[in-house]
Amino acid sequence: MRATFLLAVLVVAVPAGGATANTNDIFGNWERDDRAARVRVAACGDNICATNTWIKDPAGQKEKVGDRLIFTIKPNDNAWAGSGRDPQRGISFSATLKASGGSMVTTGCVVGGLICRSTQWTRM
């Protein structure tokens, strides 16, 4: 459940030095800080999708390989901001994504911003 919620509130890594967001910063393969999940962030139509490519213990979690989060985000200052949707679980959330080199931090909020979580990722 933790992995599902953390992925559902995806917001990507904090860039060093306040650099402007670049579409190439967030695209690629990432491993979550607990090493229990890996995702591929890529364009999917007019949106950006984060798709699970590997789950450490799929039997013990609700996450599955192939599960996808769909983001409607745009560059905003030094991050990407907008909204996300988890179609597998019927969850919508606000999302901010920031990436810098080999690091990414994802943050997402539900319930009008009352519940927020951040997750750190490492580029693979």
N, C-alpha and C. Protein backbone atom coordinates (compact mmCIF):
# COMPACT_ATOMS: atom_id res chain seq x y z
N MET A 1 0.83 -1.19 0.00
CA MET A 1 0.00 0.00 0.00
C MET A 1 0.87 1.26 0.00
N ARG A 2 1.98 1.25 0.77
CA ARG A 2 2.87 2.41 0.82
C ARG A 2 3.39 2.71 -0.57
N ALA A 3 3.84 1.67 -1.28
CA ALA A 3 4.39 1.87 -2.61
C ALA A 3 3.33 2.42 -3.56
N THR A 4 2.12 1.91 -3.49
CA THR A 4 1.05 2.40 -4.34
C THR A 4 0.79 3.87 -4.08
N PHE A 5 0.65 4.25 -2.80
CA PHE A 5 0.35 5.66 -2.50
C PHE A 5 1.52 6.55 -2.88
N LEU A 6 2.75 6.11 -2.59
CA LEU A 6 3.91 6.93 -2.92
C LEU A 6 4.03 7.13 -4.42
N LEU A 7 3.78 6.09 -5.19
CA LEU A 7 3.84 6.25 -6.63
C LEU A 7 2.69 7.11 -7.11
N ALA A 8 1.53 6.98 -6.48
CA ALA A 8 0.38 7.76 -6.89
C ALA A 8 0.55 9.24 -6.60
N VAL A 9 1.47 9.59 -5.74
CA VAL A 9 1.70 11.01 -5.46
C VAL A 9 3.05 11.45 -6.03
N LEU A 10 3.37 10.90 -7.16
CA LEU A 10 4.65 11.16 -7.79
C LEU A 10 4.88 12.63 -8.09
N VAL A 11 6.05 13.15 -7.62
CA VAL A 11 6.55 14.47 -7.99
C VAL A 11 8.06 14.33 -8.09
N VAL A 12 8.67 14.79 -9.16
CA VAL A 12 10.05 14.42 -9.47
C VAL A 12 11.11 15.39 -8.96
N ALA A 13 12.36 14.98 -8.91
CA ALA A 13 13.54 15.51 -8.21
C ALA A 13 13.79 16.99 -8.25
N VAL A 14 14.38 17.50 -7.20
CA VAL A 14 14.65 18.92 -7.04
C VAL A 14 15.94 19.29 -7.75
N PRO A 15 15.88 20.18 -8.77
CA PRO A 15 17.10 20.55 -9.48
C PRO A 15 17.99 21.43 -8.63
N ALA A 16 19.29 21.24 -8.77
CA ALA A 16 20.25 22.09 -8.07
C ALA A 16 20.37 23.42 -8.77
N GLY A 17 20.56 24.49 -8.01
CA GLY A 17 20.84 25.79 -8.58
C GLY A 17 19.67 26.46 -9.27
N GLY A 18 18.46 25.98 -9.10
CA GLY A 18 17.29 26.65 -9.67
C GLY A 18 17.24 26.62 -11.18
N ALA A 19 17.75 25.58 -11.81
CA ALA A 19 17.74 25.48 -13.27
C ALA A 19 16.31 25.38 -13.78
N THR A 20 16.10 25.85 -14.99
CA THR A 20 14.79 25.76 -15.61
C THR A 20 14.48 24.32 -15.96
N ALA A 21 13.22 23.92 -15.79
CA ALA A 21 12.81 22.55 -16.11
C ALA A 21 13.03 22.28 -17.59
N ASN A 22 13.51 21.10 -17.89
CA ASN A 22 13.78 20.66 -19.25
C ASN A 22 13.06 19.33 -19.42
N THR A 23 12.36 19.16 -20.54
CA THR A 23 11.59 17.94 -20.73
C THR A 23 12.46 16.70 -20.61
N ASN A 24 13.73 16.78 -20.98
CA ASN A 24 14.61 15.62 -20.90
C ASN A 24 14.96 15.25 -19.47
N ASP A 25 14.84 16.17 -18.53
CA ASP A 25 15.20 15.90 -17.14
C ASP A 25 14.38 14.78 -16.53
N ILE A 26 13.10 14.75 -16.80
CA ILE A 26 12.24 13.78 -16.12
C ILE A 26 12.09 12.46 -16.88
N PHE A 27 12.40 12.45 -18.17
CA PHE A 27 12.22 11.23 -18.95
C PHE A 27 13.34 10.23 -18.63
N GLY A 28 12.98 8.96 -18.61
CA GLY A 28 13.96 7.91 -18.40
C GLY A 28 13.48 6.90 -17.38
N ASN A 29 14.42 6.08 -16.94
CA ASN A 29 14.13 5.00 -15.99
C ASN A 29 14.64 5.40 -14.61
N TRP A 30 13.78 5.15 -13.61
CA TRP A 30 14.06 5.58 -12.24
C TRP A 30 13.79 4.45 -11.27
N GLU A 31 14.60 4.39 -10.20
CA GLU A 31 14.38 3.44 -9.12
C GLU A 31 14.01 4.21 -7.85
N ARG A 32 12.95 3.77 -7.19
CA ARG A 32 12.48 4.42 -5.96
C ARG A 32 13.50 4.21 -4.84
N ASP A 33 13.56 5.14 -3.90
CA ASP A 33 14.56 5.13 -2.83
C ASP A 33 14.52 3.88 -1.96
N ASP A 34 13.38 3.21 -1.83
CA ASP A 34 13.31 1.97 -1.05
C ASP A 34 13.70 0.74 -1.88
N ARG A 35 14.04 0.97 -3.16
CA ARG A 35 14.47 -0.08 -4.09
C ARG A 35 13.40 -1.16 -4.32
N ALA A 36 12.14 -0.81 -4.10
CA ALA A 36 11.05 -1.78 -4.26
C ALA A 36 10.30 -1.58 -5.57
N ALA A 37 10.62 -0.52 -6.32
CA ALA A 37 9.91 -0.27 -7.58
C ALA A 37 10.80 0.51 -8.54
N ARG A 38 10.57 0.25 -9.83
CA ARG A 38 11.22 1.00 -10.90
C ARG A 38 10.15 1.45 -11.89
N VAL A 39 10.33 2.65 -12.41
CA VAL A 39 9.38 3.19 -13.37
C VAL A 39 10.11 3.76 -14.58
N ARG A 40 9.39 3.84 -15.68
CA ARG A 40 9.85 4.54 -16.88
C ARG A 40 8.95 5.74 -17.05
N VAL A 41 9.53 6.94 -17.12
CA VAL A 41 8.79 8.16 -17.35
C VAL A 41 8.98 8.52 -18.82
N ALA A 42 7.87 8.65 -19.55
CA ALA A 42 7.92 8.89 -20.99
C ALA A 42 6.66 9.61 -21.44
N ALA A 43 6.76 10.24 -22.59
CA ALA A 43 5.58 10.87 -23.19
C ALA A 43 4.58 9.79 -23.56
N CYS A 44 3.30 10.12 -23.38
CA CYS A 44 2.22 9.22 -23.81
C CYS A 44 1.11 10.12 -24.34
N GLY A 45 1.09 10.33 -25.63
CA GLY A 45 0.16 11.28 -26.23
C GLY A 45 0.51 12.68 -25.79
N ASP A 46 -0.47 13.45 -25.34
CA ASP A 46 -0.23 14.82 -24.86
C ASP A 46 0.20 14.85 -23.40
N ASN A 47 0.28 13.70 -22.76
CA ASN A 47 0.60 13.61 -21.34
C ASN A 47 1.98 13.00 -21.13
N ILE A 48 2.33 12.85 -19.87
CA ILE A 48 3.55 12.14 -19.48
C ILE A 48 3.11 11.00 -18.58
N CYS A 49 3.64 9.81 -18.83
CA CYS A 49 3.25 8.64 -18.05
C CYS A 49 4.44 8.07 -17.29
N ALA A 50 4.18 7.59 -16.08
CA ALA A 50 5.14 6.84 -15.29
C ALA A 50 4.60 5.42 -15.21
N THR A 51 5.33 4.49 -15.83
CA THR A 51 4.88 3.10 -15.92
C THR A 51 5.79 2.20 -15.10
N ASN A 52 5.20 1.38 -14.23
CA ASN A 52 5.99 0.42 -13.46
C ASN A 52 6.65 -0.57 -14.41
N THR A 53 7.97 -0.70 -14.30
CA THR A 53 8.71 -1.67 -15.11
C THR A 53 9.21 -2.84 -14.28
N TRP A 54 9.23 -2.67 -12.95
CA TRP A 54 9.70 -3.72 -12.05
C TRP A 54 9.16 -3.44 -10.66
N ILE A 55 8.67 -4.48 -9.99
CA ILE A 55 8.19 -4.40 -8.61
C ILE A 55 8.88 -5.53 -7.84
N LYS A 56 9.52 -5.20 -6.73
CA LYS A 56 10.30 -6.18 -5.95
C LYS A 56 9.44 -7.34 -5.47
N ASP A 57 8.28 -7.06 -4.89
CA ASP A 57 7.43 -8.09 -4.32
C ASP A 57 5.99 -7.88 -4.78
N PRO A 58 5.68 -8.20 -6.05
CA PRO A 58 4.33 -7.93 -6.54
C PRO A 58 3.23 -8.69 -5.79
N ALA A 59 3.55 -9.84 -5.22
CA ALA A 59 2.53 -10.60 -4.48
C ALA A 59 2.18 -9.89 -3.18
N GLY A 60 3.11 -9.15 -2.61
CA GLY A 60 2.88 -8.51 -1.33
C GLY A 60 2.41 -7.06 -1.44
N GLN A 61 2.20 -6.57 -2.66
CA GLN A 61 1.77 -5.20 -2.86
C GLN A 61 0.61 -5.15 -3.84
N LYS A 62 -0.03 -3.99 -3.90
CA LYS A 62 -1.10 -3.81 -4.87
C LYS A 62 -0.56 -3.30 -6.20
N GLU A 63 0.72 -2.93 -6.24
CA GLU A 63 1.33 -2.47 -7.48
C GLU A 63 1.68 -3.65 -8.37
N LYS A 64 1.60 -3.42 -9.68
CA LYS A 64 1.93 -4.44 -10.65
C LYS A 64 2.79 -3.83 -11.75
N VAL A 65 3.62 -4.65 -12.36
CA VAL A 65 4.35 -4.22 -13.55
C VAL A 65 3.31 -3.84 -14.60
N GLY A 66 3.50 -2.70 -15.23
CA GLY A 66 2.56 -2.22 -16.24
C GLY A 66 1.58 -1.19 -15.72
N ASP A 67 1.40 -1.10 -14.39
CA ASP A 67 0.55 -0.03 -13.84
C ASP A 67 1.14 1.31 -14.27
N ARG A 68 0.26 2.26 -14.54
CA ARG A 68 0.69 3.54 -15.10
C ARG A 68 0.00 4.70 -14.40
N LEU A 69 0.78 5.75 -14.15
CA LEU A 69 0.24 7.04 -13.71
C LEU A 69 0.28 7.97 -14.91
N ILE A 70 -0.77 8.75 -15.08
CA ILE A 70 -0.86 9.67 -16.21
C ILE A 70 -0.83 11.09 -15.68
N PHE A 71 0.15 11.87 -16.14
CA PHE A 71 0.33 13.24 -15.68
C PHE A 71 -0.04 14.24 -16.75
N THR A 72 -0.77 15.26 -16.35
CA THR A 72 -1.03 16.45 -17.18
C THR A 72 -0.24 17.56 -16.48
N ILE A 73 1.02 17.72 -16.90
CA ILE A 73 1.92 18.66 -16.24
C ILE A 73 2.62 19.53 -17.27
N LYS A 74 3.06 20.68 -16.82
CA LYS A 74 3.77 21.63 -17.67
C LYS A 74 4.92 22.22 -16.88
N PRO A 75 6.00 22.64 -17.59
CA PRO A 75 7.09 23.30 -16.88
C PRO A 75 6.59 24.55 -16.17
N ASN A 76 7.06 24.74 -14.94
CA ASN A 76 6.65 25.86 -14.11
C ASN A 76 7.85 26.23 -13.24
N ASP A 77 8.51 27.35 -13.54
CA ASP A 77 9.75 27.73 -12.87
C ASP A 77 10.78 26.62 -13.03
N ASN A 78 11.24 26.02 -11.95
CA ASN A 78 12.27 24.98 -12.04
C ASN A 78 11.71 23.58 -11.83
N ALA A 79 10.42 23.40 -12.10
CA ALA A 79 9.77 22.11 -11.90
C ALA A 79 8.71 21.89 -12.96
N TRP A 80 8.07 20.77 -12.88
CA TRP A 80 6.88 20.45 -13.67
C TRP A 80 5.73 20.40 -12.69
N ALA A 81 4.62 21.01 -13.01
CA ALA A 81 3.50 21.02 -12.07
C ALA A 81 2.19 20.81 -12.82
N GLY A 82 1.24 20.23 -12.12
CA GLY A 82 -0.08 19.99 -12.69
C GLY A 82 -0.81 18.94 -11.89
N SER A 83 -1.39 17.98 -12.61
CA SER A 83 -2.17 16.95 -11.94
C SER A 83 -1.79 15.58 -12.47
N GLY A 84 -2.16 14.58 -11.70
CA GLY A 84 -1.92 13.20 -12.08
C GLY A 84 -3.14 12.35 -11.81
N ARG A 85 -3.14 11.19 -12.45
CA ARG A 85 -4.26 10.27 -12.28
C ARG A 85 -3.72 8.85 -12.26
N ASP A 86 -4.23 8.07 -11.33
CA ASP A 86 -3.90 6.65 -11.22
C ASP A 86 -5.15 5.89 -11.64
N PRO A 87 -5.25 5.50 -12.92
CA PRO A 87 -6.47 4.84 -13.40
C PRO A 87 -6.73 3.48 -12.77
N GLN A 88 -5.69 2.77 -12.31
CA GLN A 88 -5.88 1.46 -11.69
C GLN A 88 -6.62 1.57 -10.37
N ARG A 89 -6.41 2.66 -9.65
CA ARG A 89 -6.99 2.82 -8.32
C ARG A 89 -8.02 3.93 -8.24
N GLY A 90 -8.25 4.64 -9.33
CA GLY A 90 -9.23 5.71 -9.35
C GLY A 90 -8.85 6.91 -8.50
N ILE A 91 -7.56 7.23 -8.43
CA ILE A 91 -7.07 8.33 -7.60
C ILE A 91 -6.59 9.46 -8.50
N SER A 92 -7.00 10.69 -8.18
CA SER A 92 -6.47 11.89 -8.83
C SER A 92 -5.73 12.70 -7.78
N PHE A 93 -4.69 13.43 -8.18
CA PHE A 93 -3.87 14.15 -7.24
C PHE A 93 -3.16 15.31 -7.93
N SER A 94 -2.75 16.30 -7.14
CA SER A 94 -1.90 17.35 -7.68
C SER A 94 -0.47 16.80 -7.67
N ALA A 95 0.34 17.25 -8.62
CA ALA A 95 1.68 16.70 -8.75
C ALA A 95 2.68 17.79 -9.10
N THR A 96 3.87 17.65 -8.53
CA THR A 96 5.01 18.49 -8.88
C THR A 96 6.18 17.57 -9.12
N LEU A 97 6.87 17.73 -10.23
CA LEU A 97 7.99 16.87 -10.57
C LEU A 97 9.22 17.73 -10.78
N LYS A 98 10.33 17.34 -10.14
CA LYS A 98 11.59 18.06 -10.29
C LYS A 98 12.71 17.04 -10.45
N ALA A 99 13.59 17.27 -11.40
CA ALA A 99 14.70 16.35 -11.62
C ALA A 99 15.99 17.12 -11.82
N SER A 100 17.07 16.53 -11.38
CA SER A 100 18.39 17.12 -11.56
C SER A 100 19.40 15.99 -11.70
N GLY A 101 19.97 15.87 -12.88
CA GLY A 101 20.96 14.83 -13.10
C GLY A 101 20.42 13.46 -12.79
N GLY A 102 21.07 12.77 -11.83
CA GLY A 102 20.68 11.42 -11.49
C GLY A 102 19.68 11.30 -10.36
N SER A 103 19.10 12.42 -9.93
CA SER A 103 18.14 12.38 -8.82
C SER A 103 16.79 12.94 -9.23
N MET A 104 15.78 12.46 -8.59
CA MET A 104 14.43 12.93 -8.84
C MET A 104 13.68 12.89 -7.51
N VAL A 105 12.84 13.88 -7.28
CA VAL A 105 11.95 13.87 -6.12
C VAL A 105 10.55 14.07 -6.65
N THR A 106 9.63 13.22 -6.21
CA THR A 106 8.25 13.34 -6.61
C THR A 106 7.42 13.70 -5.39
N THR A 107 6.48 14.62 -5.59
CA THR A 107 5.58 15.00 -4.49
C THR A 107 4.18 15.08 -5.05
N GLY A 108 3.25 14.56 -4.32
CA GLY A 108 1.86 14.60 -4.74
C GLY A 108 0.96 14.83 -3.56
N CYS A 109 -0.18 15.44 -3.83
CA CYS A 109 -1.14 15.75 -2.77
C CYS A 109 -2.54 15.32 -3.18
N VAL A 110 -3.27 14.81 -2.20
CA VAL A 110 -4.68 14.45 -2.38
C VAL A 110 -5.49 15.22 -1.34
N VAL A 111 -6.80 15.10 -1.41
CA VAL A 111 -7.72 15.74 -0.47
C VAL A 111 -7.44 17.24 -0.40
N GLY A 112 -7.38 17.87 -1.57
CA GLY A 112 -7.20 19.32 -1.63
C GLY A 112 -5.91 19.82 -1.02
N GLY A 113 -4.87 18.99 -1.02
CA GLY A 113 -3.58 19.39 -0.49
C GLY A 113 -3.40 19.09 0.99
N LEU A 114 -4.36 18.40 1.61
CA LEU A 114 -4.25 18.09 3.04
C LEU A 114 -3.30 16.92 3.31
N ILE A 115 -3.19 16.02 2.36
CA ILE A 115 -2.31 14.86 2.51
C ILE A 115 -1.31 14.89 1.36
N CYS A 116 -0.02 15.06 1.69
CA CYS A 116 1.04 15.12 0.67
C CYS A 116 2.15 14.16 1.05
N ARG A 117 2.81 13.62 0.03
CA ARG A 117 3.95 12.75 0.21
C ARG A 117 4.99 13.05 -0.86
N SER A 118 6.24 12.88 -0.49
CA SER A 118 7.35 13.02 -1.43
C SER A 118 8.12 11.71 -1.48
N THR A 119 8.67 11.41 -2.64
CA THR A 119 9.47 10.21 -2.84
C THR A 119 10.70 10.59 -3.62
N GLN A 120 11.84 9.99 -3.26
CA GLN A 120 13.07 10.23 -3.99
C GLN A 120 13.35 9.07 -4.92
N TRP A 121 13.93 9.40 -6.06
CA TRP A 121 14.23 8.42 -7.11
C TRP A 121 15.67 8.60 -7.57
N THR A 122 16.26 7.53 -8.09
CA THR A 122 17.59 7.58 -8.66
C THR A 122 17.49 7.13 -10.12
N ARG A 123 18.14 7.90 -11.00
CA ARG A 123 18.13 7.53 -12.42
C ARG A 123 18.91 6.24 -12.60
N MET A 124 18.36 5.36 -13.42
CA MET A 124 19.02 4.06 -13.71
C MET A 124 19.78 4.15 -15.02
